[in-house]
N, C-alpha and C. Protein backbone atom coordinates (compact mmCIF):
# COMPACT_ATOMS: atom_id res chain seq x y z
N UNK A 1 153.82 193.45 60.51
CA UNK A 1 154.43 193.33 59.83
C UNK A 1 153.77 193.95 58.43
N UNK A 2 154.88 194.84 57.71
CA UNK A 2 154.63 195.12 56.27
C UNK A 2 155.36 195.19 55.36
N UNK A 3 155.38 194.76 54.15
CA UNK A 3 156.55 194.75 52.83
C UNK A 3 156.04 195.76 51.65
N UNK A 4 157.39 196.39 51.88
CA UNK A 4 157.13 197.52 50.90
C UNK A 4 158.06 197.42 49.91
N UNK A 5 158.08 197.96 48.63
CA UNK A 5 159.06 197.85 47.39
C UNK A 5 160.11 198.87 47.56
N UNK A 6 161.17 198.65 47.91
CA UNK A 6 162.12 200.09 47.62
C UNK A 6 161.63 201.12 46.59
N UNK A 7 161.49 200.45 45.49
CA UNK A 7 160.80 202.28 44.87
C UNK A 7 159.44 202.78 44.74
N UNK A 8 159.13 202.04 45.88
CA UNK A 8 157.78 202.88 46.29
C UNK A 8 157.58 204.31 46.30
N UNK A 9 156.55 204.87 45.67
CA UNK A 9 156.49 206.41 45.61
C UNK A 9 156.25 207.40 46.85
N UNK A 10 156.85 208.40 46.68
CA UNK A 10 156.96 209.35 47.81
C UNK A 10 155.71 209.67 48.08
N UNK A 11 154.93 209.67 49.13
CA UNK A 11 153.69 209.60 49.67
C UNK A 11 152.62 208.33 49.92
N UNK A 12 153.31 207.38 49.30
CA UNK A 12 152.09 206.09 49.26
C UNK A 12 151.92 205.26 50.66
N UNK A 13 150.60 205.39 50.66
CA UNK A 13 150.54 204.74 52.18
C UNK A 13 151.60 203.47 52.30
N UNK A 14 151.66 203.52 53.50
CA UNK A 14 152.10 201.64 54.09
C UNK A 14 151.46 201.06 54.84
N UNK A 15 150.92 201.68 55.90
CA UNK A 15 149.81 201.15 56.71
C UNK A 15 149.46 201.95 57.78
N UNK A 16 148.24 201.43 58.31
CA UNK A 16 147.88 202.44 59.40
C UNK A 16 147.81 201.64 60.46
N UNK A 17 147.60 202.39 61.38
CA UNK A 17 147.61 201.48 62.82
C UNK A 17 146.20 202.59 63.91
N UNK A 18 145.43 201.45 64.40
CA UNK A 18 144.65 202.33 65.42
C UNK A 18 144.27 202.09 66.30
N UNK A 19 143.89 202.75 67.51
CA UNK A 19 143.99 202.72 68.44
C UNK A 19 142.45 203.13 69.32
N UNK A 20 142.13 203.12 70.32
CA UNK A 20 140.57 203.08 70.75
C UNK A 20 140.64 203.56 72.34
N UNK A 21 140.34 204.31 73.27
CA UNK A 21 140.35 204.58 74.22
C UNK A 21 138.62 205.12 74.60
N UNK A 22 138.42 204.11 76.00
CA UNK A 22 137.16 204.14 76.07
C UNK A 22 136.29 205.46 77.02
N UNK A 23 137.37 206.30 77.10
CA UNK A 23 136.75 207.42 78.26
C UNK A 23 135.93 208.51 76.63
N UNK A 24 135.49 209.43 77.60
CA UNK A 24 134.65 210.48 76.84
C UNK A 24 135.41 212.03 76.40
N UNK A 25 134.76 212.46 74.95
CA UNK A 25 135.65 213.95 75.04
C UNK A 25 136.81 213.96 74.55
N UNK A 26 137.40 214.88 75.01
CA UNK A 26 138.71 215.09 74.61
C UNK A 26 140.08 214.06 75.41
N UNK A 27 139.24 213.55 76.31
CA UNK A 27 139.78 212.34 77.32
C UNK A 27 140.03 211.33 76.10
N UNK A 28 139.06 211.12 75.40
CA UNK A 28 139.25 209.63 74.60
C UNK A 28 139.65 209.98 73.32
N UNK A 29 140.19 211.14 72.65
CA UNK A 29 140.63 211.63 71.32
C UNK A 29 142.10 210.93 71.72
N UNK A 30 142.82 210.24 70.56
CA UNK A 30 143.62 210.08 70.29
C UNK A 30 144.26 210.46 69.23
N UNK A 31 145.91 210.88 69.73
CA UNK A 31 146.56 211.00 68.50
C UNK A 31 147.89 210.46 68.46
N UNK A 32 148.63 210.29 67.34
CA UNK A 32 149.75 209.13 66.90
C UNK A 32 151.07 210.13 67.01
N UNK A 33 151.95 209.30 67.22
CA UNK A 33 152.96 210.16 66.55
C UNK A 33 154.34 208.49 66.38
N UNK A 34 155.08 209.33 65.74
CA UNK A 34 156.34 208.13 65.67
C UNK A 34 157.44 208.40 66.82
N UNK A 35 157.87 207.56 67.57
CA UNK A 35 158.51 207.72 68.50
C UNK A 35 159.65 207.41 68.78
N UNK A 36 160.24 206.27 67.68
CA UNK A 36 161.48 205.85 67.51
C UNK A 36 161.85 205.02 66.32
N UNK A 37 162.86 204.93 65.71
CA UNK A 37 163.22 203.69 64.65
C UNK A 37 162.43 204.40 63.37
N UNK A 38 162.71 205.83 63.18
CA UNK A 38 162.42 206.60 62.02
C UNK A 38 163.34 207.17 61.61
N UNK A 39 164.79 205.93 60.77
CA UNK A 39 165.98 206.44 60.64
C UNK A 39 165.56 207.24 59.29
N UNK A 40 166.49 208.61 59.06
CA UNK A 40 166.24 209.44 58.35
C UNK A 40 165.35 210.06 58.31
N UNK A 41 163.94 209.98 59.05
CA UNK A 41 162.70 210.75 58.89
C UNK A 41 162.04 210.03 57.58
N UNK A 42 162.19 208.95 57.09
CA UNK A 42 161.70 208.31 56.13
C UNK A 42 159.94 207.85 56.11
N UNK A 43 159.42 207.83 57.57
CA UNK A 43 158.12 207.66 57.16
C UNK A 43 157.00 209.16 58.23
N UNK A 44 156.07 209.17 57.87
CA UNK A 44 155.45 210.37 58.12
C UNK A 44 154.12 209.34 58.72
N UNK A 45 153.48 210.20 59.77
CA UNK A 45 152.61 209.63 60.66
C UNK A 45 151.57 210.47 60.95
N UNK A 46 150.54 210.31 60.02
CA UNK A 46 149.35 211.20 60.55
C UNK A 46 148.83 211.16 61.92
N UNK A 47 148.81 212.67 62.58
CA UNK A 47 148.45 212.25 64.04
C UNK A 47 147.05 212.25 64.25
N UNK A 48 146.32 212.79 63.38
CA UNK A 48 144.64 212.58 63.77
C UNK A 48 144.28 210.99 63.39
N UNK A 49 144.62 210.38 61.79
CA UNK A 49 144.44 209.27 61.53
C UNK A 49 144.89 207.94 61.55
N UNK A 50 146.28 207.95 62.23
CA UNK A 50 147.48 207.00 62.26
C UNK A 50 147.74 206.40 60.97
N UNK A 51 147.67 206.94 59.92
CA UNK A 51 148.18 206.74 58.12
C UNK A 51 149.55 206.78 58.80
N UNK A 52 150.71 205.84 58.11
CA UNK A 52 151.87 205.96 58.04
C UNK A 52 151.76 206.09 56.33
N UNK A 53 152.51 207.17 55.87
CA UNK A 53 153.13 207.01 54.43
C UNK A 53 154.61 207.15 54.61
N UNK A 54 154.92 207.14 52.97
CA UNK A 54 156.33 207.10 53.07
C UNK A 54 157.05 208.46 52.40
N UNK A 55 158.39 209.16 53.24
CA UNK A 55 158.26 210.59 53.31
C UNK A 55 159.44 210.65 52.54
N UNK A 56 160.35 209.90 52.40
CA UNK A 56 161.42 209.53 51.75
C UNK A 56 161.68 208.71 50.87
N UNK A 57 162.87 208.14 49.71
CA UNK A 57 162.95 207.32 49.33
C UNK A 57 163.79 206.23 50.21
N UNK A 58 163.42 204.65 49.61
CA UNK A 58 163.75 203.80 50.63
C UNK A 58 165.09 203.30 49.54
N UNK A 59 166.11 202.20 50.25
CA UNK A 59 167.06 201.86 49.77
C UNK A 59 167.81 200.29 50.77
N UNK A 60 167.11 199.63 50.22
CA UNK A 60 166.92 198.33 50.78
C UNK A 60 168.77 197.75 51.23
N UNK A 61 169.72 198.57 50.66
CA UNK A 61 170.65 197.62 50.46
C UNK A 61 171.54 198.99 51.78
N UNK A 62 170.93 199.96 51.86
CA UNK A 62 171.24 201.06 53.30
C UNK A 62 170.79 200.68 54.31
N UNK A 63 169.39 200.60 54.08
CA UNK A 63 168.20 199.81 55.33
C UNK A 63 167.12 198.85 54.74
N UNK A 64 167.01 197.52 55.58
CA UNK A 64 166.35 196.44 54.79
C UNK A 64 165.00 196.56 55.66
N UNK A 65 165.44 197.31 56.78
CA UNK A 65 163.90 196.72 58.28
C UNK A 65 164.10 198.00 58.55
N UNK A 66 162.89 198.55 58.87
CA UNK A 66 162.41 199.72 59.90
C UNK A 66 161.18 199.24 61.03
N UNK A 67 161.91 199.32 62.01
CA UNK A 67 161.14 198.88 63.53
C UNK A 67 160.69 200.24 64.23
N UNK A 68 159.44 200.73 63.47
CA UNK A 68 158.69 201.80 64.25
C UNK A 68 158.14 201.91 65.73
N UNK A 69 158.70 202.74 66.61
CA UNK A 69 157.46 202.60 67.62
C UNK A 69 156.31 203.37 67.66
N UNK A 70 155.26 203.27 67.42
CA UNK A 70 154.11 204.06 67.64
C UNK A 70 153.24 204.28 68.59
N UNK A 71 153.15 205.54 69.08
CA UNK A 71 152.55 206.09 70.11
C UNK A 71 151.60 206.24 69.98
N UNK A 72 150.36 206.27 70.89
CA UNK A 72 149.01 206.80 71.08
C UNK A 72 148.63 207.35 71.88
N UNK A 73 148.29 208.59 72.46
CA UNK A 73 148.25 209.20 73.50
C UNK A 73 146.87 209.82 73.21
N UNK A 74 146.16 209.97 74.69
CA UNK A 74 144.15 210.22 74.56
C UNK A 74 145.08 212.12 74.96
N UNK A 75 143.73 212.79 75.23
CA UNK A 75 143.98 214.21 75.51
C UNK A 75 143.91 214.41 76.76
N UNK A 76 143.75 213.59 77.62
CA UNK A 76 143.34 213.89 79.03
C UNK A 76 144.44 214.77 79.93
N UNK A 77 143.99 214.87 80.80
CA UNK A 77 144.95 215.76 81.84
C UNK A 77 145.20 214.86 83.15
N UNK A 78 146.21 214.27 83.49
CA UNK A 78 147.62 214.19 82.61
C UNK A 78 147.19 213.18 81.31
N UNK A 79 147.46 213.89 80.24
CA UNK A 79 147.49 212.37 78.80
C UNK A 79 148.19 210.88 79.07
N UNK A 80 147.81 209.85 78.76
CA UNK A 80 147.50 208.73 78.93
C UNK A 80 147.97 207.66 77.73
N UNK A 81 148.77 207.44 77.32
CA UNK A 81 149.72 206.75 76.36
C UNK A 81 150.00 205.62 76.15
N UNK A 82 150.13 204.73 74.91
CA UNK A 82 150.89 203.38 74.82
C UNK A 82 151.07 203.48 73.82
N UNK A 83 151.97 202.27 73.64
CA UNK A 83 152.80 202.19 72.48
C UNK A 83 152.88 200.45 71.62
N UNK A 84 153.24 200.92 70.72
CA UNK A 84 153.30 199.37 70.13
C UNK A 84 154.46 199.98 68.67
N UNK A 85 155.47 198.56 68.63
CA UNK A 85 155.90 198.41 67.44
C UNK A 85 155.39 197.90 66.05
N UNK A 86 156.04 198.63 64.98
CA UNK A 86 155.71 198.33 63.57
C UNK A 86 156.69 198.04 62.59
N UNK A 87 156.82 196.45 62.51
CA UNK A 87 158.02 196.40 61.64
C UNK A 87 157.65 196.90 59.96
N UNK A 88 158.48 197.33 59.39
CA UNK A 88 158.30 197.71 57.76
C UNK A 88 159.67 197.47 56.92
N UNK A 89 159.45 195.85 56.16
CA UNK A 89 160.70 195.36 55.58
C UNK A 89 160.08 195.46 54.42
N UNK A 90 161.87 196.24 53.40
CA UNK A 90 161.56 196.49 52.71
C UNK A 90 162.38 195.81 51.37
N UNK A 91 161.71 195.30 50.09
CA UNK A 91 161.61 194.53 49.20
C UNK A 91 162.56 194.93 48.31
N UNK A 92 163.42 194.32 47.62
CA UNK A 92 164.36 194.74 47.08
C UNK A 92 164.28 194.26 45.08
N UNK A 93 164.81 195.50 44.90
CA UNK A 93 164.22 195.59 43.41
C UNK A 93 165.83 195.35 42.84
N UNK A 94 165.85 195.18 40.95
CA UNK A 94 166.88 194.95 40.85
C UNK A 94 167.30 196.51 39.86
N UNK A 95 168.55 197.04 41.33
CA UNK A 95 168.39 198.63 40.91
C UNK A 95 169.89 198.65 40.76
N UNK A 96 171.39 197.99 41.36
CA UNK A 96 172.34 197.82 41.06
C UNK A 96 172.96 196.88 40.06
N UNK A 97 174.28 197.16 38.90
CA UNK A 97 174.40 196.46 38.29
C UNK A 97 175.42 195.43 38.77
N UNK A 98 175.77 194.59 38.05
CA UNK A 98 176.87 193.58 38.51
C UNK A 98 178.55 194.26 38.54
N UNK A 99 178.88 193.86 39.54
CA UNK A 99 180.52 194.35 39.45
C UNK A 99 181.51 193.38 38.93
N UNK A 100 182.23 193.94 37.83
CA UNK A 100 183.13 192.99 37.24
C UNK A 100 184.87 193.51 37.97
N UNK A 101 185.29 192.02 38.66
CA UNK A 101 186.54 192.38 38.93
C UNK A 101 187.50 191.60 38.04
N UNK A 102 188.60 192.22 37.75
CA UNK A 102 190.17 191.33 36.94
C UNK A 102 190.51 190.89 37.94
N UNK A 103 191.04 189.60 37.87
CA UNK A 103 192.21 189.23 39.00
C UNK A 103 193.55 188.77 37.68
N UNK A 104 194.77 188.60 38.46
CA UNK A 104 195.61 188.73 37.64
C UNK A 104 195.80 187.06 37.64
N UNK A 105 196.29 186.53 36.41
CA UNK A 105 196.33 185.13 36.56
C UNK A 105 197.91 184.63 35.72
N UNK A 106 198.38 184.00 36.41
CA UNK A 106 199.68 183.74 36.01
C UNK A 106 199.60 182.45 35.21
N UNK A 107 200.78 182.41 34.15
CA UNK A 107 200.84 181.28 33.28
C UNK A 107 201.69 180.31 33.59
N UNK A 108 201.64 178.86 33.14
CA UNK A 108 202.89 177.72 33.80
C UNK A 108 203.63 177.34 32.85
């Protein structure tokens, strides 16, 4: 789980995931990808390091939570993989003005 402000700068590091593979050589080389939950392609994962960064602006009023499915895949033939979910919660900032509504009043 990770909490990030909705006004976070593009490119900011959100979280890093890691996976280990006890095989040697390319069989043990792990690459990372986001396979689900990346609404609007908002996040980027570095396939070599597993670092997730912000690619697009956030808006908590539109999407308050992202649940990304991260896949780690080894370099074996055939490749083997595993997945985990990462939840990213967007914290609100004061970015919306109040709305004033007028109502009709009837006098007695």
